[in-house]
Amino acid sequence: MTNLQRELTGAAWRKSSHSGSGDQCVEVASLSSDLRAVRDSKDPAGPALVLTPSAWRRMLSAIKEV
């Protein structure tokens, strides 16, 4: 198991305050080196998208434009 995998397993996930109700929930976790991870709350054992600080900011900016 890699360090990133261990970190994702032990991450403190929180539901986004902008998630909808029902099956539209996204969870976010802060990781070391200012990385952020995003996953589907319905599939906590599934894949997570890990973003660098600049990618995280770009994603948030893009979402705000929608």
PDB file of N, CA and C in Angstrom:
ATOM      1  N   MET A   1       0.852  -1.176   0.000  1.00  0.00           N
ATOM      2  CA  MET A   1       0.000   0.000   0.000  1.00  0.00           C
ATOM      3  C   MET A   1       0.902   1.245   0.000  1.00  0.00           C
ATOM      4  N   THR A   2       0.606   2.193  -0.869  1.00  0.00           N
ATOM      5  CA  THR A   2       1.407   3.409  -0.950  1.00  0.00           C
ATOM      6  C   THR A   2       1.009   4.384   0.163  1.00  0.00           C
ATOM      7  N   ASN A   3       1.847   5.399   0.364  1.00  0.00           N
ATOM      8  CA  ASN A   3       1.526   6.427   1.366  1.00  0.00           C
ATOM      9  C   ASN A   3       0.211   7.111   1.046  1.00  0.00           C
ATOM     10  N   LEU A   4      -0.018   7.401  -0.235  1.00  0.00           N
ATOM     11  CA  LEU A   4      -1.269   8.068  -0.629  1.00  0.00           C
ATOM     12  C   LEU A   4      -2.471   7.174  -0.340  1.00  0.00           C
ATOM     13  N   GLN A   5      -2.356   5.883  -0.618  1.00  0.00           N
ATOM     14  CA  GLN A   5      -3.456   4.961  -0.325  1.00  0.00           C
ATOM     15  C   GLN A   5      -3.745   4.915   1.171  1.00  0.00           C
ATOM     16  N   ARG A   6      -2.694   4.879   1.992  1.00  0.00           N
ATOM     17  CA  ARG A   6      -2.884   4.880   3.445  1.00  0.00           C
ATOM     18  C   ARG A   6      -3.553   6.185   3.894  1.00  0.00           C
ATOM     19  N   GLU A   7      -3.107   7.275   3.312  1.00  0.00           N
ATOM     20  CA  GLU A   7      -3.666   8.570   3.681  1.00  0.00           C
ATOM     21  C   GLU A   7      -5.148   8.659   3.297  1.00  0.00           C
ATOM     22  N   LEU A   8      -5.504   8.147   2.125  1.00  0.00           N
ATOM     23  CA  LEU A   8      -6.914   8.158   1.702  1.00  0.00           C
ATOM     24  C   LEU A   8      -7.762   7.276   2.613  1.00  0.00           C
ATOM     25  N   THR A   9      -7.222   6.136   3.022  1.00  0.00           N
ATOM     26  CA  THR A   9      -7.955   5.224   3.905  1.00  0.00           C
ATOM     27  C   THR A   9      -8.252   5.876   5.250  1.00  0.00           C
ATOM     28  N   GLY A  10      -7.295   6.632   5.775  1.00  0.00           N
ATOM     29  CA  GLY A  10      -7.471   7.264   7.079  1.00  0.00           C
ATOM     30  C   GLY A  10      -7.946   8.705   7.023  1.00  0.00           C
ATOM     31  N   ALA A  11      -8.317   9.174   5.838  1.00  0.00           N
ATOM     32  CA  ALA A  11      -8.695  10.583   5.670  1.00  0.00           C
ATOM     33  C   ALA A  11      -9.985  10.922   6.413  1.00  0.00           C
ATOM     34  N   ALA A  12     -10.065  12.171   6.839  1.00  0.00           N
ATOM     35  CA  ALA A  12     -11.287  12.693   7.469  1.00  0.00           C
ATOM     36  C   ALA A  12     -12.156  13.291   6.361  1.00  0.00           C
ATOM     37  N   TRP A  13     -13.071  12.503   5.858  1.00  0.00           N
ATOM     38  CA  TRP A  13     -13.939  12.936   4.758  1.00  0.00           C
ATOM     39  C   TRP A  13     -15.091  13.770   5.311  1.00  0.00           C
ATOM     40  N   ARG A  14     -15.464  14.802   4.573  1.00  0.00           N
ATOM     41  CA  ARG A  14     -16.633  15.607   4.952  1.00  0.00           C
ATOM     42  C   ARG A  14     -17.487  15.826   3.719  1.00  0.00           C
ATOM     43  N   LYS A  15     -18.770  15.851   3.947  1.00  0.00           N
ATOM     44  CA  LYS A  15     -19.707  16.052   2.841  1.00  0.00           C
ATOM     45  C   LYS A  15     -19.689  17.519   2.444  1.00  0.00           C
ATOM     46  N   SER A  16     -19.645  17.775   1.173  1.00  0.00           N
ATOM     47  CA  SER A  16     -19.653  19.146   0.676  1.00  0.00           C
ATOM     48  C   SER A  16     -20.941  19.838   1.084  1.00  0.00           C
ATOM     49  N   SER A  17     -20.817  21.075   1.511  1.00  0.00           N
ATOM     50  CA  SER A  17     -22.013  21.843   1.895  1.00  0.00           C
ATOM     51  C   SER A  17     -22.862  22.168   0.675  1.00  0.00           C
ATOM     52  N   HIS A  18     -22.325  21.985  -0.515  1.00  0.00           N
ATOM     53  CA  HIS A  18     -23.064  22.273  -1.741  1.00  0.00           C
ATOM     54  C   HIS A  18     -23.643  21.015  -2.384  1.00  0.00           C
ATOM     55  N   SER A  19     -23.506  19.883  -1.736  1.00  0.00           N
ATOM     56  CA  SER A  19     -24.083  18.653  -2.272  1.00  0.00           C
ATOM     57  C   SER A  19     -25.597  18.719  -2.170  1.00  0.00           C
ATOM     58  N   GLY A  20     -26.224  18.111  -3.133  1.00  0.00           N
ATOM     59  CA  GLY A  20     -27.682  18.055  -3.121  1.00  0.00           C
ATOM     60  C   GLY A  20     -28.172  16.991  -2.160  1.00  0.00           C
ATOM     61  N   SER A  21     -29.444  16.794  -2.122  1.00  0.00           N
ATOM     62  CA  SER A  21     -30.013  15.759  -1.255  1.00  0.00           C
ATOM     63  C   SER A  21     -30.042  14.428  -1.998  1.00  0.00           C
ATOM     64  N   GLY A  22     -30.242  13.388  -1.260  1.00  0.00           N
ATOM     65  CA  GLY A  22     -30.376  12.069  -1.866  1.00  0.00           C
ATOM     66  C   GLY A  22     -29.071  11.522  -2.382  1.00  0.00           C
ATOM     67  N   ASP A  23     -29.004  11.249  -3.688  1.00  0.00           N
ATOM     68  CA  ASP A  23     -27.848  10.554  -4.245  1.00  0.00           C
ATOM     69  C   ASP A  23     -26.848  11.475  -4.942  1.00  0.00           C
ATOM     70  N   GLN A  24     -26.830  12.748  -4.592  1.00  0.00           N
ATOM     71  CA  GLN A  24     -25.939  13.692  -5.258  1.00  0.00           C
ATOM     72  C   GLN A  24     -24.879  14.234  -4.290  1.00  0.00           C
ATOM     73  N   CYS A  25     -24.300  13.386  -3.492  1.00  0.00           N
ATOM     74  CA  CYS A  25     -23.376  13.839  -2.451  1.00  0.00           C
ATOM     75  C   CYS A  25     -21.922  13.622  -2.855  1.00  0.00           C
ATOM     76  N   VAL A  26     -21.125  14.634  -2.615  1.00  0.00           N
ATOM     77  CA  VAL A  26     -19.691  14.595  -2.861  1.00  0.00           C
ATOM     78  C   VAL A  26     -18.994  14.801  -1.529  1.00  0.00           C
ATOM     79  N   GLU A  27     -17.938  14.038  -1.285  1.00  0.00           N
ATOM     80  CA  GLU A  27     -17.153  14.193  -0.067  1.00  0.00           C
ATOM     81  C   GLU A  27     -15.763  14.688  -0.421  1.00  0.00           C
ATOM     82  N   VAL A  28     -15.198  15.485   0.471  1.00  0.00           N
ATOM     83  CA  VAL A  28     -13.882  16.087   0.270  1.00  0.00           C
ATOM     84  C   VAL A  28     -13.015  15.784   1.486  1.00  0.00           C
ATOM     85  N   ALA A  29     -11.729  15.558   1.259  1.00  0.00           N
ATOM     86  CA  ALA A  29     -10.773  15.349   2.355  1.00  0.00           C
ATOM     87  C   ALA A  29      -9.506  16.145   2.070  1.00  0.00           C
ATOM     88  N   SER A  30      -8.970  16.764   3.109  1.00  0.00           N
ATOM     89  CA  SER A  30      -7.674  17.429   3.011  1.00  0.00           C
ATOM     90  C   SER A  30      -6.592  16.400   3.292  1.00  0.00           C
ATOM     91  N   LEU A  31      -5.576  16.383   2.442  1.00  0.00           N
ATOM     92  CA  LEU A  31      -4.470  15.448   2.588  1.00  0.00           C
ATOM     93  C   LEU A  31      -3.182  16.231   2.817  1.00  0.00           C
ATOM     94  N   SER A  32      -2.083  15.520   3.010  1.00  0.00           N
ATOM     95  CA  SER A  32      -0.801  16.187   3.206  1.00  0.00           C
ATOM     96  C   SER A  32      -0.396  16.938   1.943  1.00  0.00           C
ATOM     97  N   SER A  33       0.564  17.822   2.086  1.00  0.00           N
ATOM     98  CA  SER A  33       1.068  18.627   0.965  1.00  0.00           C
ATOM     99  C   SER A  33      -0.032  19.453   0.318  1.00  0.00           C
ATOM    100  N   ASP A  34      -1.051  19.799   1.085  1.00  0.00           N
ATOM    101  CA  ASP A  34      -2.178  20.603   0.600  1.00  0.00           C
ATOM    102  C   ASP A  34      -2.966  19.948  -0.524  1.00  0.00           C
ATOM    103  N   LEU A  35      -2.830  18.639  -0.688  1.00  0.00           N
ATOM    104  CA  LEU A  35      -3.644  17.924  -1.671  1.00  0.00           C
ATOM    105  C   LEU A  35      -5.075  17.834  -1.168  1.00  0.00           C
ATOM    106  N   ARG A  36      -6.019  17.728  -2.097  1.00  0.00           N
ATOM    107  CA  ARG A  36      -7.428  17.520  -1.761  1.00  0.00           C
ATOM    108  C   ARG A  36      -7.908  16.281  -2.501  1.00  0.00           C
ATOM    109  N   ALA A  37      -8.772  15.516  -1.859  1.00  0.00           N
ATOM    110  CA  ALA A  37      -9.359  14.336  -2.486  1.00  0.00           C
ATOM    111  C   ALA A  37     -10.862  14.511  -2.533  1.00  0.00           C
ATOM    112  N   VAL A  38     -11.461  14.022  -3.604  1.00  0.00           N
ATOM    113  CA  VAL A  38     -12.910  14.117  -3.816  1.00  0.00           C
ATOM    114  C   VAL A  38     -13.410  12.725  -4.158  1.00  0.00           C
ATOM    115  N   ARG A  39     -14.552  12.346  -3.578  1.00  0.00           N
ATOM    116  CA  ARG A  39     -15.131  11.040  -3.890  1.00  0.00           C
ATOM    117  C   ARG A  39     -16.653  11.109  -3.831  1.00  0.00           C
ATOM    118  N   ASP A  40     -17.271  10.087  -4.381  1.00  0.00           N
ATOM    119  CA  ASP A  40     -18.724   9.926  -4.349  1.00  0.00           C
ATOM    120  C   ASP A  40     -19.085   9.300  -3.004  1.00  0.00           C
ATOM    121  N   SER A  41     -19.942   9.959  -2.238  1.00  0.00           N
ATOM    122  CA  SER A  41     -20.275   9.450  -0.901  1.00  0.00           C
ATOM    123  C   SER A  41     -21.007   8.109  -0.944  1.00  0.00           C
ATOM    124  N   LYS A  42     -21.626   7.776  -2.068  1.00  0.00           N
ATOM    125  CA  LYS A  42     -22.326   6.496  -2.181  1.00  0.00           C
ATOM    126  C   LYS A  42     -21.360   5.331  -2.359  1.00  0.00           C
ATOM    127  N   ASP A  43     -20.103   5.632  -2.693  1.00  0.00           N
ATOM    128  CA  ASP A  43     -19.117   4.594  -2.954  1.00  0.00           C
ATOM    129  C   ASP A  43     -17.809   4.912  -2.221  1.00  0.00           C
ATOM    130  N   PRO A  44     -17.818   4.895  -0.878  1.00  0.00           N
ATOM    131  CA  PRO A  44     -16.629   5.284  -0.129  1.00  0.00           C
ATOM    132  C   PRO A  44     -15.415   4.397  -0.379  1.00  0.00           C
ATOM    133  N   ALA A  45     -15.611   3.188  -0.827  1.00  0.00           N
ATOM    134  CA  ALA A  45     -14.487   2.305  -1.131  1.00  0.00           C
ATOM    135  C   ALA A  45     -14.036   2.458  -2.587  1.00  0.00           C
ATOM    136  N   GLY A  46     -14.754   3.263  -3.340  1.00  0.00           N
ATOM    137  CA  GLY A  46     -14.437   3.461  -4.749  1.00  0.00           C
ATOM    138  C   GLY A  46     -13.317   4.449  -4.956  1.00  0.00           C
ATOM    139  N   PRO A  47     -13.145   4.875  -6.186  1.00  0.00           N
ATOM    140  CA  PRO A  47     -12.029   5.764  -6.509  1.00  0.00           C
ATOM    141  C   PRO A  47     -12.197   7.160  -5.921  1.00  0.00           C
ATOM    142  N   ALA A  48     -11.064   7.813  -5.731  1.00  0.00           N
ATOM    143  CA  ALA A  48     -11.047   9.205  -5.283  1.00  0.00           C
ATOM    144  C   ALA A  48     -10.196   9.996  -6.261  1.00  0.00           C
ATOM    145  N   LEU A  49     -10.614  11.195  -6.536  1.00  0.00           N
ATOM    146  CA  LEU A  49      -9.855  12.105  -7.382  1.00  0.00           C
ATOM    147  C   LEU A  49      -8.969  12.942  -6.464  1.00  0.00           C
ATOM    148  N   VAL A  50      -7.662  12.886  -6.659  1.00  0.00           N
ATOM    149  CA  VAL A  50      -6.718  13.633  -5.823  1.00  0.00           C
ATOM    150  C   VAL A  50      -6.200  14.815  -6.637  1.00  0.00           C
ATOM    151  N   LEU A  51      -6.328  16.002  -6.061  1.00  0.00           N
ATOM    152  CA  LEU A  51      -5.988  17.232  -6.773  1.00  0.00           C
ATOM    153  C   LEU A  51      -4.883  18.010  -6.068  1.00  0.00           C
ATOM    154  N   THR A  52      -4.010  18.614  -6.860  1.00  0.00           N
ATOM    155  CA  THR A  52      -2.998  19.517  -6.333  1.00  0.00           C
ATOM    156  C   THR A  52      -3.692  20.819  -5.928  1.00  0.00           C
ATOM    157  N   PRO A  53      -3.013  21.672  -5.163  1.00  0.00           N
ATOM    158  CA  PRO A  53      -3.644  22.944  -4.774  1.00  0.00           C
ATOM    159  C   PRO A  53      -4.111  23.777  -5.974  1.00  0.00           C
ATOM    160  N   SER A  54      -3.297  23.862  -7.021  1.00  0.00           N
ATOM    161  CA  SER A  54      -3.712  24.663  -8.184  1.00  0.00           C
ATOM    162  C   SER A  54      -4.877  24.017  -8.931  1.00  0.00           C
ATOM    163  N   ALA A  55      -4.882  22.694  -9.044  1.00  0.00           N
ATOM    164  CA  ALA A  55      -5.999  22.004  -9.698  1.00  0.00           C
ATOM    165  C   ALA A  55      -7.279  22.159  -8.876  1.00  0.00           C
ATOM    166  N   TRP A  56      -7.161  22.113  -7.552  1.00  0.00           N
ATOM    167  CA  TRP A  56      -8.309  22.302  -6.661  1.00  0.00           C
ATOM    168  C   TRP A  56      -8.919  23.690  -6.885  1.00  0.00           C
ATOM    169  N   ARG A  57      -8.068  24.723  -6.920  1.00  0.00           N
ATOM    170  CA  ARG A  57      -8.560  26.092  -7.140  1.00  0.00           C
ATOM    171  C   ARG A  57      -9.224  26.233  -8.505  1.00  0.00           C
ATOM    172  N   ARG A  58      -8.623  25.638  -9.531  1.00  0.00           N
ATOM    173  CA  ARG A  58      -9.219  25.702 -10.884  1.00  0.00           C
ATOM    174  C   ARG A  58     -10.563  24.998 -10.921  1.00  0.00           C
ATOM    175  N   MET A  59     -10.657  23.850 -10.250  1.00  0.00           N
ATOM    176  CA  MET A  59     -11.934  23.125 -10.229  1.00  0.00           C
ATOM    177  C   MET A  59     -13.000  23.950  -9.532  1.00  0.00           C
ATOM    178  N   LEU A  60     -12.668  24.547  -8.381  1.00  0.00           N
ATOM    179  CA  LEU A  60     -13.640  25.356  -7.680  1.00  0.00           C
ATOM    180  C   LEU A  60     -14.075  26.566  -8.513  1.00  0.00           C
ATOM    181  N   SER A  61     -13.141  27.190  -9.202  1.00  0.00           N
ATOM    182  CA  SER A  61     -13.480  28.330 -10.056  1.00  0.00           C
ATOM    183  C   SER A  61     -14.409  27.898 -11.187  1.00  0.00           C
ATOM    184  N   ALA A  62     -14.118  26.759 -11.787  1.00  0.00           N
ATOM    185  CA  ALA A  62     -14.959  26.262 -12.869  1.00  0.00           C
ATOM    186  C   ALA A  62     -16.370  25.940 -12.378  1.00  0.00           C
ATOM    187  N   ILE A  63     -16.474  25.358 -11.190  1.00  0.00           N
ATOM    188  CA  ILE A  63     -17.783  25.016 -10.637  1.00  0.00           C
ATOM    189  C   ILE A  63     -18.588  26.286 -10.365  1.00  0.00           C
ATOM    190  N   LYS A  64     -17.936  27.313  -9.842  1.00  0.00           N
ATOM    191  CA  LYS A  64     -18.625  28.565  -9.525  1.00  0.00           C
ATOM    192  C   LYS A  64     -19.167  29.245 -10.778  1.00  0.00           C
ATOM    193  N   GLU A  65     -18.542  28.998 -11.932  1.00  0.00           N
ATOM    194  CA  GLU A  65     -18.979  29.604 -13.181  1.00  0.00           C
ATOM    195  C   GLU A  65     -20.218  28.942 -13.754  1.00  0.00           C
ATOM    196  N   VAL A  66     -20.518  27.734 -13.318  1.00  0.00           N
ATOM    197  CA  VAL A  66     -21.660  26.978 -13.858  1.00  0.00           C
ATOM    198  C   VAL A  66     -22.952  27.468 -13.279  1.00  0.00           C
TER     199      VAL A  66
END
